[in-house]
Amino acid sequence: MENRSDNSRAKMTVPGIFGTIIFFLSFLPIIYAIYVSYTGIFFGLQGCAWFFGLPAIIIILIYESFLFFLPVGCLIYQIIFFTKYIRRHEKLKITTLILVGIILTSALISTIFAEQSLDLKHKVYQSKIRTHLTAVCGEKSASEITYETNSRYEMTYNAHSPVLPQDKDFEIRIISEGRIIDTLVETFMEANKDFYPEINKYIVAKEKLPAEFTYNIRIVSIDFQDYKNGDDLSVLLDRTKYIINSVDAHYSNINEEVIMDTIDKVWKDIYPNAPLQSGDLHIHFNNNDKTLISVYIREDRKQKKFIARISDWSRPDFQSPGKYQELDGKEIELKR
C-alpha cells in the first residue's frame, strides 16, 4: 500500500508539467541579476557609478520589483510549488537543488571578484574608446590623445589632445549599456568661441538654408587631422559633421497664418536639404526671446507620411489655456 501511494504521488500530471515549466522559468529574474553582477550596472541617484557583485544583484532585483513585484512573486511561487509538487518528485527536487546551488555559488563568486570584474571592464573598453575617439575626431587626431583614469567606479577618464589648450582636458565616460561619451567637441568649442558662429554661417551657405531663420546645430564630429590648438579654424569647416536639431523663427506677431506659412517654408526649403537626427526637426516660434509655439516635424513610418505637430508653449503654468489653445496638439500631414 505504501509503494502504491508513493507511485501515485510521483506521477506527473499535465498541470504539474506546466507548473514545473513556470517554476524553472521563475528563476530567470535572479539568473539575469547574477549575469548583470558580472557585466556591471550603471546606476546612481545623484552621481552614477558602475556596480558589480552583490550591489548589482540588489539593484537589478529592485528594478525588477517595479514589474509587478516580479522577484517577490517568483520567490513565493517557488516556495509554494516546491512544497506542494517539486519535493514529491526526486529528479525535480535534485535538479532544483543543483540549480539553487549554482545560483548561490555564482552570486558568491561575482561578489568576491567584483573588483576584478570592474578592472576587466576597464581593460576591455580600451580598444572601444580608441574606436570611439577615431569616429569623433579622425584617426590621426585620435592617435595623439592620451588619457588616464579619473574615477575607477564611475569609469571616467581625463583626456588630453593637442587640439585643445594645454590647460584644458576633456572627459571620456562609459555609461549605461556600455555606451561611450566624451566632451572633446564641447571643450574645443568652449576654448574657441568663434568656431560655432563660423560653422553656423558655413552650414547655412552650404545647405542653402533661408537666412531669416537661426539654427540650432549639433556638431557630431570634427576630423582634426594635423590641426593643433591655435591653428586657423577655417580648415576645420569642411571636415565637420553636423545635424540640425531645430529652426528658430523670430516674429513680432505670431498668428495661425504665420505659423502655417513658416511650417510650409521649413518643410519645402529646409527639411529636404538639411542633415537631421532620424528625420526629426523642431521649429520654435519666438517673440521677444520667448518661445510661444513649438512645431515637431517627424516621419510616421507606419503610415508612411510626414506629420507636423503644434504645441502651445504660451501657457503660463502649462495647465491653464494658452494664447494658441485652438492649435495646441493639432497635427498636420505634410505633402509636397
C-alpha atoms as a PDB file:
ATOM      1  CA  MET A   1       0.000   0.000   0.000  1.00  0.00           C
ATOM      2  CA  GLU A   2       2.820   2.368   0.842  1.00  0.00           C
ATOM      3  CA  ASN A   3       4.576   1.783  -2.515  1.00  0.00           C
ATOM      4  CA  ARG A   4       1.371   2.390  -4.447  1.00  0.00           C
ATOM      5  CA  SER A   5       0.904   5.658  -2.541  1.00  0.00           C
ATOM      6  CA  ASP A   6       4.446   6.767  -3.351  1.00  0.00           C
ATOM      7  CA  ASN A   7       3.980   5.937  -7.034  1.00  0.00           C
ATOM      8  CA  SER A   8       0.729   7.880  -7.246  1.00  0.00           C
ATOM      9  CA  ARG A   9       2.365  10.853  -5.566  1.00  0.00           C
ATOM     10  CA  ALA A  10       5.268  10.771  -8.019  1.00  0.00           C
ATOM     11  CA  LYS A  11       3.070  10.593 -11.096  1.00  0.00           C
ATOM     12  CA  MET A  12       3.446  13.620 -13.381  1.00  0.00           C
ATOM     13  CA  THR A  13       0.255  15.396 -14.436  1.00  0.00           C
ATOM     14  CA  VAL A  14      -0.357  17.909 -17.215  1.00  0.00           C
ATOM     15  CA  PRO A  15      -0.958  20.759 -14.724  1.00  0.00           C
ATOM     16  CA  GLY A  16       2.142  19.580 -12.871  1.00  0.00           C
ATOM     17  CA  ILE A  17       4.272  19.686 -16.035  1.00  0.00           C
ATOM     18  CA  PHE A  18       3.010  23.173 -16.857  1.00  0.00           C
ATOM     19  CA  GLY A  19       3.627  24.310 -13.288  1.00  0.00           C
ATOM     20  CA  THR A  20       7.147  22.841 -13.404  1.00  0.00           C
ATOM     21  CA  ILE A  21       7.956  24.812 -16.540  1.00  0.00           C
ATOM     22  CA  ILE A  22       6.747  28.007 -14.865  1.00  0.00           C
ATOM     23  CA  PHE A  23       8.693  27.041 -11.742  1.00  0.00           C
ATOM     24  CA  PHE A  24      12.040  26.885 -13.554  1.00  0.00           C
ATOM     25  CA  LEU A  25      11.230  29.957 -15.636  1.00  0.00           C
ATOM     26  CA  SER A  26      10.628  31.844 -12.386  1.00  0.00           C
ATOM     27  CA  PHE A  27      14.374  31.673 -11.708  1.00  0.00           C
ATOM     28  CA  LEU A  28      15.108  33.871 -14.712  1.00  0.00           C
ATOM     29  CA  PRO A  29      14.895  37.197 -12.792  1.00  0.00           C
ATOM     30  CA  ILE A  30      17.579  36.115 -10.304  1.00  0.00           C
ATOM     31  CA  ILE A  31      19.662  34.491 -13.065  1.00  0.00           C
ATOM     32  CA  TYR A  32      19.585  37.753 -15.013  1.00  0.00           C
ATOM     33  CA  ALA A  33      20.528  39.710 -11.871  1.00  0.00           C
ATOM     34  CA  ILE A  34      23.544  37.443 -11.352  1.00  0.00           C
ATOM     35  CA  TYR A  35      24.538  37.806 -15.004  1.00  0.00           C
ATOM     36  CA  VAL A  36      24.494  41.603 -14.587  1.00  0.00           C
ATOM     37  CA  SER A  37      26.578  41.247 -11.416  1.00  0.00           C
ATOM     38  CA  TYR A  38      29.436  40.114 -13.685  1.00  0.00           C
ATOM     39  CA  THR A  39      28.913  42.610 -16.529  1.00  0.00           C
ATOM     40  CA  GLY A  40      28.071  45.547 -14.229  1.00  0.00           C
ATOM     41  CA  ILE A  41      25.193  48.008 -13.989  1.00  0.00           C
ATOM     42  CA  PHE A  42      25.397  51.785 -14.327  1.00  0.00           C
ATOM     43  CA  PHE A  43      23.310  53.298 -11.564  1.00  0.00           C
ATOM     44  CA  GLY A  44      23.027  56.353  -9.350  1.00  0.00           C
ATOM     45  CA  LEU A  45      20.594  58.801  -7.787  1.00  0.00           C
ATOM     46  CA  GLN A  46      22.801  61.900  -7.834  1.00  0.00           C
ATOM     47  CA  GLY A  47      26.075  60.718  -9.332  1.00  0.00           C
ATOM     48  CA  CYS A  48      26.178  57.500 -11.367  1.00  0.00           C
ATOM     49  CA  ALA A  49      28.728  54.714 -10.983  1.00  0.00           C
ATOM     50  CA  TRP A  50      29.223  51.087 -12.024  1.00  0.00           C
ATOM     51  CA  PHE A  51      28.270  48.319  -9.603  1.00  0.00           C
ATOM     52  CA  PHE A  52      29.250  44.643  -9.649  1.00  0.00           C
ATOM     53  CA  GLY A  53      28.641  41.639  -7.410  1.00  0.00           C
ATOM     54  CA  LEU A  54      26.040  41.758  -4.638  1.00  0.00           C
ATOM     55  CA  PRO A  55      25.239  45.507  -5.036  1.00  0.00           C
ATOM     56  CA  ALA A  56      24.454  44.891  -8.729  1.00  0.00           C
ATOM     57  CA  ILE A  57      22.201  41.943  -7.840  1.00  0.00           C
ATOM     58  CA  ILE A  58      20.291  44.064  -5.313  1.00  0.00           C
ATOM     59  CA  ILE A  59      19.865  46.949  -7.773  1.00  0.00           C
ATOM     60  CA  ILE A  60      18.528  44.658 -10.516  1.00  0.00           C
ATOM     61  CA  LEU A  61      16.123  42.955  -8.115  1.00  0.00           C
ATOM     62  CA  ILE A  62      14.842  46.383  -7.043  1.00  0.00           C
ATOM     63  CA  TYR A  63      14.357  47.320 -10.719  1.00  0.00           C
ATOM     64  CA  GLU A  64      12.526  44.052 -11.321  1.00  0.00           C
ATOM     65  CA  SER A  65      10.342  44.656  -8.272  1.00  0.00           C
ATOM     66  CA  PHE A  66       8.763  47.578 -10.109  1.00  0.00           C
ATOM     67  CA  LEU A  67       7.446  45.000 -12.619  1.00  0.00           C
ATOM     68  CA  PHE A  68       4.559  43.722 -10.505  1.00  0.00           C
ATOM     69  CA  PHE A  69       6.949  42.759  -7.676  1.00  0.00           C
ATOM     70  CA  LEU A  70       8.408  40.144 -10.017  1.00  0.00           C
ATOM     71  CA  PRO A  71      11.228  38.732  -7.800  1.00  0.00           C
ATOM     72  CA  VAL A  72       8.969  38.512  -4.722  1.00  0.00           C
ATOM     73  CA  GLY A  73       6.171  36.901  -6.734  1.00  0.00           C
ATOM     74  CA  CYS A  74       8.591  34.390  -8.233  1.00  0.00           C
ATOM     75  CA  LEU A  75      10.009  33.520  -4.802  1.00  0.00           C
ATOM     76  CA  ILE A  76       6.549  32.967  -3.321  1.00  0.00           C
ATOM     77  CA  TYR A  77       5.595  30.764  -6.265  1.00  0.00           C
ATOM     78  CA  GLN A  78       8.838  28.777  -5.951  1.00  0.00           C
ATOM     79  CA  ILE A  79       8.275  28.097  -2.246  1.00  0.00           C
ATOM     80  CA  ILE A  80       4.644  27.048  -2.704  1.00  0.00           C
ATOM     81  CA  PHE A  81       5.201  24.916  -5.809  1.00  0.00           C
ATOM     82  CA  PHE A  82       8.339  23.287  -4.403  1.00  0.00           C
ATOM     83  CA  THR A  83       6.494  22.346  -1.208  1.00  0.00           C
ATOM     84  CA  LYS A  84       3.382  21.018  -2.935  1.00  0.00           C
ATOM     85  CA  TYR A  85       4.868  19.402  -6.041  1.00  0.00           C
ATOM     86  CA  ILE A  86       8.621  19.502  -6.721  1.00  0.00           C
ATOM     87  CA  ARG A  87       9.721  17.832  -3.476  1.00  0.00           C
ATOM     88  CA  ARG A  88       7.499  14.833  -4.272  1.00  0.00           C
ATOM     89  CA  HIS A  89       9.491  14.115  -7.440  1.00  0.00           C
ATOM     90  CA  GLU A  90      13.054  13.105  -6.683  1.00  0.00           C
ATOM     91  CA  LYS A  91      14.568  14.093 -10.024  1.00  0.00           C
ATOM     92  CA  LEU A  92      12.893  17.502  -9.997  1.00  0.00           C
ATOM     93  CA  LYS A  93      13.947  18.008  -6.395  1.00  0.00           C
ATOM     94  CA  ILE A  94      17.589  17.215  -7.175  1.00  0.00           C
ATOM     95  CA  THR A  95      17.529  19.414 -10.289  1.00  0.00           C
ATOM     96  CA  THR A  96      16.119  22.292  -8.253  1.00  0.00           C
ATOM     97  CA  LEU A  97      18.734  21.911  -5.517  1.00  0.00           C
ATOM     98  CA  ILE A  98      21.504  21.856  -8.134  1.00  0.00           C
ATOM     99  CA  LEU A  99      20.086  24.975  -9.816  1.00  0.00           C
ATOM    100  CA  VAL A 100      19.809  26.818  -6.491  1.00  0.00           C
ATOM    101  CA  GLY A 101      23.357  25.760  -5.649  1.00  0.00           C
ATOM    102  CA  ILE A 102      24.673  27.088  -8.961  1.00  0.00           C
ATOM    103  CA  ILE A 103      22.797  30.374  -8.443  1.00  0.00           C
ATOM    104  CA  LEU A 104      24.151  30.882  -4.916  1.00  0.00           C
ATOM    105  CA  THR A 105      27.676  29.916  -5.940  1.00  0.00           C
ATOM    106  CA  SER A 106      27.600  32.245  -8.954  1.00  0.00           C
ATOM    107  CA  ALA A 107      26.319  35.103  -6.791  1.00  0.00           C
ATOM    108  CA  LEU A 108      29.085  34.483  -4.239  1.00  0.00           C
ATOM    109  CA  ILE A 109      31.800  34.347  -6.917  1.00  0.00           C
ATOM    110  CA  SER A 110      30.570  37.559  -8.554  1.00  0.00           C
ATOM    111  CA  THR A 111      30.669  39.291  -5.170  1.00  0.00           C
ATOM    112  CA  ILE A 112      34.150  38.030  -4.282  1.00  0.00           C
ATOM    113  CA  PHE A 113      35.544  39.038  -7.658  1.00  0.00           C
ATOM    114  CA  ALA A 114      33.556  42.287  -8.088  1.00  0.00           C
ATOM    115  CA  GLU A 115      36.714  44.425  -8.146  1.00  0.00           C
ATOM    116  CA  GLN A 116      38.319  42.165 -10.736  1.00  0.00           C
ATOM    117  CA  SER A 117      35.175  42.396 -12.892  1.00  0.00           C
ATOM    118  CA  LEU A 118      35.441  46.176 -12.785  1.00  0.00           C
ATOM    119  CA  ASP A 119      39.138  46.045 -13.748  1.00  0.00           C
ATOM    120  CA  LEU A 120      38.298  43.700 -16.617  1.00  0.00           C
ATOM    121  CA  LYS A 121      35.606  46.073 -17.892  1.00  0.00           C
ATOM    122  CA  HIS A 122      38.133  48.933 -17.885  1.00  0.00           C
ATOM    123  CA  LYS A 123      40.576  46.769 -19.836  1.00  0.00           C
ATOM    124  CA  VAL A 124      38.014  45.565 -22.388  1.00  0.00           C
ATOM    125  CA  TYR A 125      36.910  49.120 -23.150  1.00  0.00           C
ATOM    126  CA  GLN A 126      40.342  50.494 -24.029  1.00  0.00           C
ATOM    127  CA  SER A 127      40.100  49.448 -27.682  1.00  0.00           C
ATOM    128  CA  LYS A 128      36.474  50.591 -27.820  1.00  0.00           C
ATOM    129  CA  ILE A 129      37.482  54.025 -26.520  1.00  0.00           C
ATOM    130  CA  ARG A 130      40.050  54.316 -29.321  1.00  0.00           C
ATOM    131  CA  THR A 131      37.439  53.357 -31.907  1.00  0.00           C
ATOM    132  CA  HIS A 132      35.032  55.916 -30.457  1.00  0.00           C
ATOM    133  CA  LEU A 133      37.632  58.705 -30.486  1.00  0.00           C
ATOM    134  CA  THR A 134      38.509  57.910 -34.098  1.00  0.00           C
ATOM    135  CA  ALA A 135      34.863  58.407 -35.053  1.00  0.00           C
ATOM    136  CA  VAL A 136      34.740  61.703 -33.127  1.00  0.00           C
ATOM    137  CA  CYS A 137      37.941  63.409 -34.276  1.00  0.00           C
ATOM    138  CA  GLY A 138      39.562  61.309 -37.000  1.00  0.00           C
ATOM    139  CA  GLU A 139      42.246  58.644 -36.895  1.00  0.00           C
ATOM    140  CA  LYS A 140      45.250  60.980 -36.903  1.00  0.00           C
ATOM    141  CA  SER A 141      43.949  63.190 -34.092  1.00  0.00           C
ATOM    142  CA  ALA A 142      42.702  60.232 -32.043  1.00  0.00           C
ATOM    143  CA  SER A 143      46.152  58.637 -32.102  1.00  0.00           C
ATOM    144  CA  GLU A 144      47.549  61.721 -30.330  1.00  0.00           C
ATOM    145  CA  ILE A 145      45.028  61.688 -27.488  1.00  0.00           C
ATOM    146  CA  THR A 146      46.234  60.490 -24.099  1.00  0.00           C
ATOM    147  CA  TYR A 147      44.076  59.795 -21.087  1.00  0.00           C
ATOM    148  CA  GLU A 148      44.173  58.455 -17.552  1.00  0.00           C
ATOM    149  CA  THR A 149      41.546  57.139 -15.172  1.00  0.00           C
ATOM    150  CA  ASN A 150      39.763  59.839 -13.225  1.00  0.00           C
ATOM    151  CA  SER A 151      37.199  57.727 -11.355  1.00  0.00           C
ATOM    152  CA  ARG A 152      37.540  53.956 -11.358  1.00  0.00           C
ATOM    153  CA  TYR A 153      33.966  53.261 -10.238  1.00  0.00           C
ATOM    154  CA  GLU A 154      32.363  55.916 -12.443  1.00  0.00           C
ATOM    155  CA  MET A 155      34.563  54.758 -15.342  1.00  0.00           C
ATOM    156  CA  THR A 156      35.573  58.292 -16.277  1.00  0.00           C
ATOM    157  CA  TYR A 157      38.877  59.357 -17.822  1.00  0.00           C
ATOM    158  CA  ASN A 158      40.664  62.692 -18.073  1.00  0.00           C
ATOM    159  CA  ALA A 159      41.865  63.056 -21.657  1.00  0.00           C
ATOM    160  CA  HIS A 160      44.311  65.411 -23.354  1.00  0.00           C
ATOM    161  CA  SER A 161      44.513  66.403 -27.015  1.00  0.00           C
ATOM    162  CA  PRO A 162      46.790  68.768 -28.997  1.00  0.00           C
ATOM    163  CA  VAL A 163      43.667  70.417 -30.451  1.00  0.00           C
ATOM    164  CA  LEU A 164      42.964  71.915 -27.007  1.00  0.00           C
ATOM    165  CA  PRO A 165      44.960  74.426 -24.952  1.00  0.00           C
ATOM    166  CA  GLN A 166      47.475  72.758 -22.642  1.00  0.00           C
ATOM    167  CA  ASP A 167      45.467  73.705 -19.564  1.00  0.00           C
ATOM    168  CA  LYS A 168      42.278  72.135 -20.974  1.00  0.00           C
ATOM    169  CA  ASP A 169      41.335  68.489 -20.817  1.00  0.00           C
ATOM    170  CA  PHE A 170      38.123  66.683 -21.683  1.00  0.00           C
ATOM    171  CA  GLU A 171      36.211  63.772 -20.217  1.00  0.00           C
ATOM    172  CA  ILE A 172      35.593  60.291 -21.577  1.00  0.00           C
ATOM    173  CA  ARG A 173      32.913  58.270 -19.820  1.00  0.00           C
ATOM    174  CA  ILE A 174      31.450  54.754 -20.051  1.00  0.00           C
ATOM    175  CA  ILE A 175      27.723  54.940 -19.291  1.00  0.00           C
ATOM    176  CA  SER A 176      24.640  52.699 -19.383  1.00  0.00           C
ATOM    177  CA  GLU A 177      24.529  49.905 -21.943  1.00  0.00           C
ATOM    178  CA  GLY A 178      28.278  50.330 -22.351  1.00  0.00           C
ATOM    179  CA  ARG A 179      27.938  53.498 -24.405  1.00  0.00           C
ATOM    180  CA  ILE A 180      30.926  55.820 -24.615  1.00  0.00           C
ATOM    181  CA  ILE A 181      30.503  59.586 -24.462  1.00  0.00           C
ATOM    182  CA  ASP A 182      33.073  62.369 -24.444  1.00  0.00           C
ATOM    183  CA  THR A 183      33.282  66.152 -24.217  1.00  0.00           C
ATOM    184  CA  LEU A 184      36.038  66.801 -26.774  1.00  0.00           C
ATOM    185  CA  VAL A 185      33.905  68.775 -29.244  1.00  0.00           C
ATOM    186  CA  GLU A 186      32.176  70.747 -26.472  1.00  0.00           C
ATOM    187  CA  THR A 187      35.511  71.579 -24.823  1.00  0.00           C
ATOM    188  CA  PHE A 188      37.014  72.559 -28.184  1.00  0.00           C
ATOM    189  CA  MET A 189      34.138  74.958 -28.929  1.00  0.00           C
ATOM    190  CA  GLU A 190      34.319  76.393 -25.434  1.00  0.00           C
ATOM    191  CA  ALA A 191      38.024  77.129 -25.974  1.00  0.00           C
ATOM    192  CA  ASN A 192      37.335  78.529 -29.466  1.00  0.00           C
ATOM    193  CA  LYS A 193      34.279  80.761 -29.130  1.00  0.00           C
ATOM    194  CA  ASP A 194      34.489  81.873 -32.780  1.00  0.00           C
ATOM    195  CA  PHE A 195      34.112  78.360 -34.177  1.00  0.00           C
ATOM    196  CA  TYR A 196      30.364  77.883 -33.658  1.00  0.00           C
ATOM    197  CA  PRO A 197      29.341  81.176 -35.346  1.00  0.00           C
ATOM    198  CA  GLU A 198      31.686  80.389 -38.228  1.00  0.00           C
ATOM    199  CA  ILE A 199      30.452  76.829 -38.726  1.00  0.00           C
ATOM    200  CA  ASN A 200      26.876  78.098 -38.456  1.00  0.00           C
ATOM    201  CA  LYS A 201      27.410  80.589 -41.292  1.00  0.00           C
ATOM    202  CA  TYR A 202      29.248  77.932 -43.298  1.00  0.00           C
ATOM    203  CA  ILE A 203      26.383  75.435 -42.936  1.00  0.00           C
ATOM    204  CA  VAL A 204      23.693  77.997 -43.824  1.00  0.00           C
ATOM    205  CA  ALA A 205      25.589  78.843 -47.024  1.00  0.00           C
ATOM    206  CA  LYS A 206      26.476  75.240 -47.861  1.00  0.00           C
ATOM    207  CA  GLU A 207      22.956  73.837 -47.340  1.00  0.00           C
ATOM    208  CA  LYS A 208      21.320  76.955 -48.876  1.00  0.00           C
ATOM    209  CA  LEU A 209      19.189  77.468 -45.767  1.00  0.00           C
ATOM    210  CA  PRO A 210      16.879  80.510 -45.515  1.00  0.00           C
ATOM    211  CA  ALA A 211      18.789  83.330 -43.847  1.00  0.00           C
ATOM    212  CA  GLU A 212      15.758  84.701 -41.982  1.00  0.00           C
ATOM    213  CA  PHE A 213      15.903  81.807 -39.509  1.00  0.00           C
ATOM    214  CA  THR A 214      18.504  80.846 -36.930  1.00  0.00           C
ATOM    215  CA  TYR A 215      19.563  77.243 -36.469  1.00  0.00           C
ATOM    216  CA  ASN A 216      20.417  75.023 -33.543  1.00  0.00           C
ATOM    217  CA  ILE A 217      23.231  72.883 -34.896  1.00  0.00           C
ATOM    218  CA  ARG A 218      24.826  69.940 -33.102  1.00  0.00           C
ATOM    219  CA  ILE A 219      28.395  69.116 -34.066  1.00  0.00           C
ATOM    220  CA  VAL A 220      28.711  65.343 -34.372  1.00  0.00           C
ATOM    221  CA  SER A 221      32.423  65.079 -35.171  1.00  0.00           C
ATOM    222  CA  ILE A 222      35.392  67.041 -36.473  1.00  0.00           C
ATOM    223  CA  ASP A 223      38.195  65.390 -38.426  1.00  0.00           C
ATOM    224  CA  PHE A 224      41.022  67.450 -36.931  1.00  0.00           C
ATOM    225  CA  GLN A 225      43.816  65.638 -38.822  1.00  0.00           C
ATOM    226  CA  ASP A 226      47.017  67.675 -38.147  1.00  0.00           C
ATOM    227  CA  TYR A 227      45.187  70.619 -36.560  1.00  0.00           C
ATOM    228  CA  LYS A 228      46.778  71.931 -33.351  1.00  0.00           C
ATOM    229  CA  ASN A 229      45.468  74.474 -30.880  1.00  0.00           C
ATOM    230  CA  GLY A 230      45.896  77.988 -32.293  1.00  0.00           C
ATOM    231  CA  ASP A 231      45.834  76.954 -35.977  1.00  0.00           C
ATOM    232  CA  ASP A 232      43.425  78.515 -38.474  1.00  0.00           C
ATOM    233  CA  LEU A 233      39.896  77.339 -37.577  1.00  0.00           C
ATOM    234  CA  SER A 234      38.641  77.696 -41.150  1.00  0.00           C
ATOM    235  CA  VAL A 235      40.439  74.476 -42.205  1.00  0.00           C
ATOM    236  CA  LEU A 236      38.002  72.543 -39.997  1.00  0.00           C
ATOM    237  CA  LEU A 237      34.777  73.810 -41.564  1.00  0.00           C
ATOM    238  CA  ASP A 238      34.526  71.240 -44.356  1.00  0.00           C
ATOM    239  CA  ARG A 239      35.765  68.473 -42.035  1.00  0.00           C
ATOM    240  CA  THR A 240      32.874  68.906 -39.613  1.00  0.00           C
ATOM    241  CA  LYS A 241      29.877  66.569 -39.491  1.00  0.00           C
ATOM    242  CA  TYR A 242      26.709  68.015 -38.024  1.00  0.00           C
ATOM    243  CA  ILE A 243      22.971  67.723 -37.699  1.00  0.00           C
ATOM    244  CA  ILE A 244      20.331  70.451 -37.406  1.00  0.00           C
ATOM    245  CA  ASN A 245      18.192  69.969 -34.294  1.00  0.00           C
ATOM    246  CA  SER A 246      15.857  72.932 -34.619  1.00  0.00           C
ATOM    247  CA  VAL A 247      14.934  76.073 -36.513  1.00  0.00           C
ATOM    248  CA  ASP A 248      14.221  79.299 -34.623  1.00  0.00           C
ATOM    249  CA  ALA A 249      11.769  81.715 -36.230  1.00  0.00           C
ATOM    250  CA  HIS A 250      11.540  85.212 -34.718  1.00  0.00           C
ATOM    251  CA  TYR A 251       8.357  87.241 -35.206  1.00  0.00           C
ATOM    252  CA  SER A 252       6.861  90.335 -33.593  1.00  0.00           C
ATOM    253  CA  ASN A 253       3.373  88.957 -34.276  1.00  0.00           C
ATOM    254  CA  ILE A 254       2.664  85.214 -34.287  1.00  0.00           C
ATOM    255  CA  ASN A 255      -0.696  84.053 -35.599  1.00  0.00           C
ATOM    256  CA  GLU A 256      -2.073  80.967 -37.316  1.00  0.00           C
ATOM    257  CA  GLU A 257      -1.258  82.239 -40.812  1.00  0.00           C
ATOM    258  CA  VAL A 258       2.359  82.959 -39.845  1.00  0.00           C
ATOM    259  CA  ILE A 259       2.679  79.535 -38.236  1.00  0.00           C
ATOM    260  CA  MET A 260       1.302  77.678 -41.259  1.00  0.00           C
ATOM    261  CA  ASP A 261       3.392  79.658 -43.741  1.00  0.00           C
ATOM    262  CA  THR A 262       6.546  79.038 -41.714  1.00  0.00           C
ATOM    263  CA  ILE A 263       5.853  75.307 -41.426  1.00  0.00           C
ATOM    264  CA  ASP A 264       5.364  75.156 -45.197  1.00  0.00           C
ATOM    265  CA  LYS A 265       8.607  77.035 -45.854  1.00  0.00           C
ATOM    266  CA  VAL A 266      10.640  74.886 -43.464  1.00  0.00           C
ATOM    267  CA  TRP A 267       9.104  71.733 -44.899  1.00  0.00           C
ATOM    268  CA  LYS A 268       9.914  72.670 -48.505  1.00  0.00           C
ATOM    269  CA  ASP A 269      13.167  74.642 -48.189  1.00  0.00           C
ATOM    270  CA  ILE A 270      14.925  73.177 -45.146  1.00  0.00           C
ATOM    271  CA  TYR A 271      13.699  69.687 -44.318  1.00  0.00           C
ATOM    272  CA  PRO A 272      14.683  68.046 -47.652  1.00  0.00           C
ATOM    273  CA  ASN A 273      18.187  69.572 -47.666  1.00  0.00           C
ATOM    274  CA  ALA A 274      19.384  69.672 -44.060  1.00  0.00           C
ATOM    275  CA  PRO A 275      21.063  66.734 -42.243  1.00  0.00           C
ATOM    276  CA  LEU A 276      18.695  65.754 -39.423  1.00  0.00           C
ATOM    277  CA  GLN A 277      18.604  63.346 -36.489  1.00  0.00           C
ATOM    278  CA  SER A 278      16.384  60.417 -37.540  1.00  0.00           C
ATOM    279  CA  GLY A 279      14.281  62.708 -39.729  1.00  0.00           C
ATOM    280  CA  ASP A 280      13.141  64.840 -36.773  1.00  0.00           C
ATOM    281  CA  LEU A 281      13.102  68.636 -36.776  1.00  0.00           C
ATOM    282  CA  HIS A 282      11.707  71.219 -34.357  1.00  0.00           C
ATOM    283  CA  ILE A 283      10.566  74.737 -35.194  1.00  0.00           C
ATOM    284  CA  HIS A 284      10.465  77.282 -32.387  1.00  0.00           C
ATOM    285  CA  PHE A 285       8.373  80.424 -32.853  1.00  0.00           C
ATOM    286  CA  ASN A 286       9.918  83.140 -30.693  1.00  0.00           C
ATOM    287  CA  ASN A 287       8.686  86.543 -29.659  1.00  0.00           C
ATOM    288  CA  ASN A 288      10.995  88.771 -27.599  1.00  0.00           C
ATOM    289  CA  ASP A 289      13.295  85.783 -26.998  1.00  0.00           C
ATOM    290  CA  LYS A 290      10.426  83.729 -25.591  1.00  0.00           C
ATOM    291  CA  THR A 291       9.169  80.591 -27.329  1.00  0.00           C
ATOM    292  CA  LEU A 292       5.394  80.700 -27.787  1.00  0.00           C
ATOM    293  CA  ILE A 293       4.860  77.870 -30.279  1.00  0.00           C
ATOM    294  CA  SER A 294       6.802  74.678 -30.955  1.00  0.00           C
ATOM    295  CA  VAL A 295       6.279  72.508 -34.025  1.00  0.00           C
ATOM    296  CA  TYR A 296       7.670  68.978 -34.220  1.00  0.00           C
ATOM    297  CA  ILE A 297       8.126  67.537 -37.724  1.00  0.00           C
ATOM    298  CA  ARG A 298       8.607  63.784 -37.904  1.00  0.00           C
ATOM    299  CA  GLU A 299       8.148  60.870 -40.229  1.00  0.00           C
ATOM    300  CA  ASP A 300       5.405  58.403 -39.338  1.00  0.00           C
ATOM    301  CA  ARG A 301       6.985  55.282 -40.798  1.00  0.00           C
ATOM    302  CA  LYS A 302       3.990  53.047 -40.078  1.00  0.00           C
ATOM    303  CA  GLN A 303       1.599  55.245 -42.020  1.00  0.00           C
ATOM    304  CA  LYS A 304       4.296  56.356 -44.474  1.00  0.00           C
ATOM    305  CA  LYS A 305       3.633  60.048 -44.093  1.00  0.00           C
ATOM    306  CA  PHE A 306       5.147  63.169 -42.515  1.00  0.00           C
ATOM    307  CA  ILE A 307       3.472  64.916 -39.608  1.00  0.00           C
ATOM    308  CA  ALA A 308       3.874  68.379 -38.069  1.00  0.00           C
ATOM    309  CA  ARG A 309       2.517  68.567 -34.510  1.00  0.00           C
ATOM    310  CA  ILE A 310       1.881  72.019 -32.986  1.00  0.00           C
ATOM    311  CA  SER A 311       2.333  72.666 -29.256  1.00  0.00           C
ATOM    312  CA  ASP A 312       1.283  75.820 -27.436  1.00  0.00           C
ATOM    313  CA  TRP A 313       4.070  76.991 -25.128  1.00  0.00           C
ATOM    314  CA  SER A 314       2.362  80.242 -24.200  1.00  0.00           C
ATOM    315  CA  ARG A 315       0.515  78.654 -21.267  1.00  0.00           C
ATOM    316  CA  PRO A 316       1.804  80.345 -18.093  1.00  0.00           C
ATOM    317  CA  ASP A 317       1.807  77.162 -15.983  1.00  0.00           C
ATOM    318  CA  PHE A 318       1.372  74.533 -18.734  1.00  0.00           C
ATOM    319  CA  GLN A 319      -2.099  73.813 -17.340  1.00  0.00           C
ATOM    320  CA  SER A 320      -4.113  76.959 -17.999  1.00  0.00           C
ATOM    321  CA  PRO A 321      -5.224  77.638 -21.579  1.00  0.00           C
ATOM    322  CA  GLY A 322      -2.628  79.460 -23.666  1.00  0.00           C
ATOM    323  CA  LYS A 323      -2.837  82.048 -26.379  1.00  0.00           C
ATOM    324  CA  TYR A 324      -2.943  79.387 -29.106  1.00  0.00           C
ATOM    325  CA  GLN A 325      -5.118  76.762 -27.427  1.00  0.00           C
ATOM    326  CA  GLU A 326      -7.058  76.112 -30.625  1.00  0.00           C
ATOM    327  CA  LEU A 327      -3.800  74.988 -32.275  1.00  0.00           C
ATOM    328  CA  ASP A 328      -2.366  73.072 -29.333  1.00  0.00           C
ATOM    329  CA  GLY A 329      -1.957  69.405 -30.234  1.00  0.00           C
ATOM    330  CA  LYS A 330      -3.030  69.928 -33.829  1.00  0.00           C
ATOM    331  CA  GLU A 331      -1.344  67.604 -36.324  1.00  0.00           C
ATOM    332  CA  ILE A 332      -0.828  68.479 -39.977  1.00  0.00           C
ATOM    333  CA  GLU A 333       0.030  65.989 -42.699  1.00  0.00           C
ATOM    334  CA  LEU A 334       2.829  67.454 -44.827  1.00  0.00           C
ATOM    335  CA  LYS A 335       2.870  66.908 -48.563  1.00  0.00           C
ATOM    336  CA  ARG A 336       4.936  68.114 -51.488  1.00  0.00           C
END
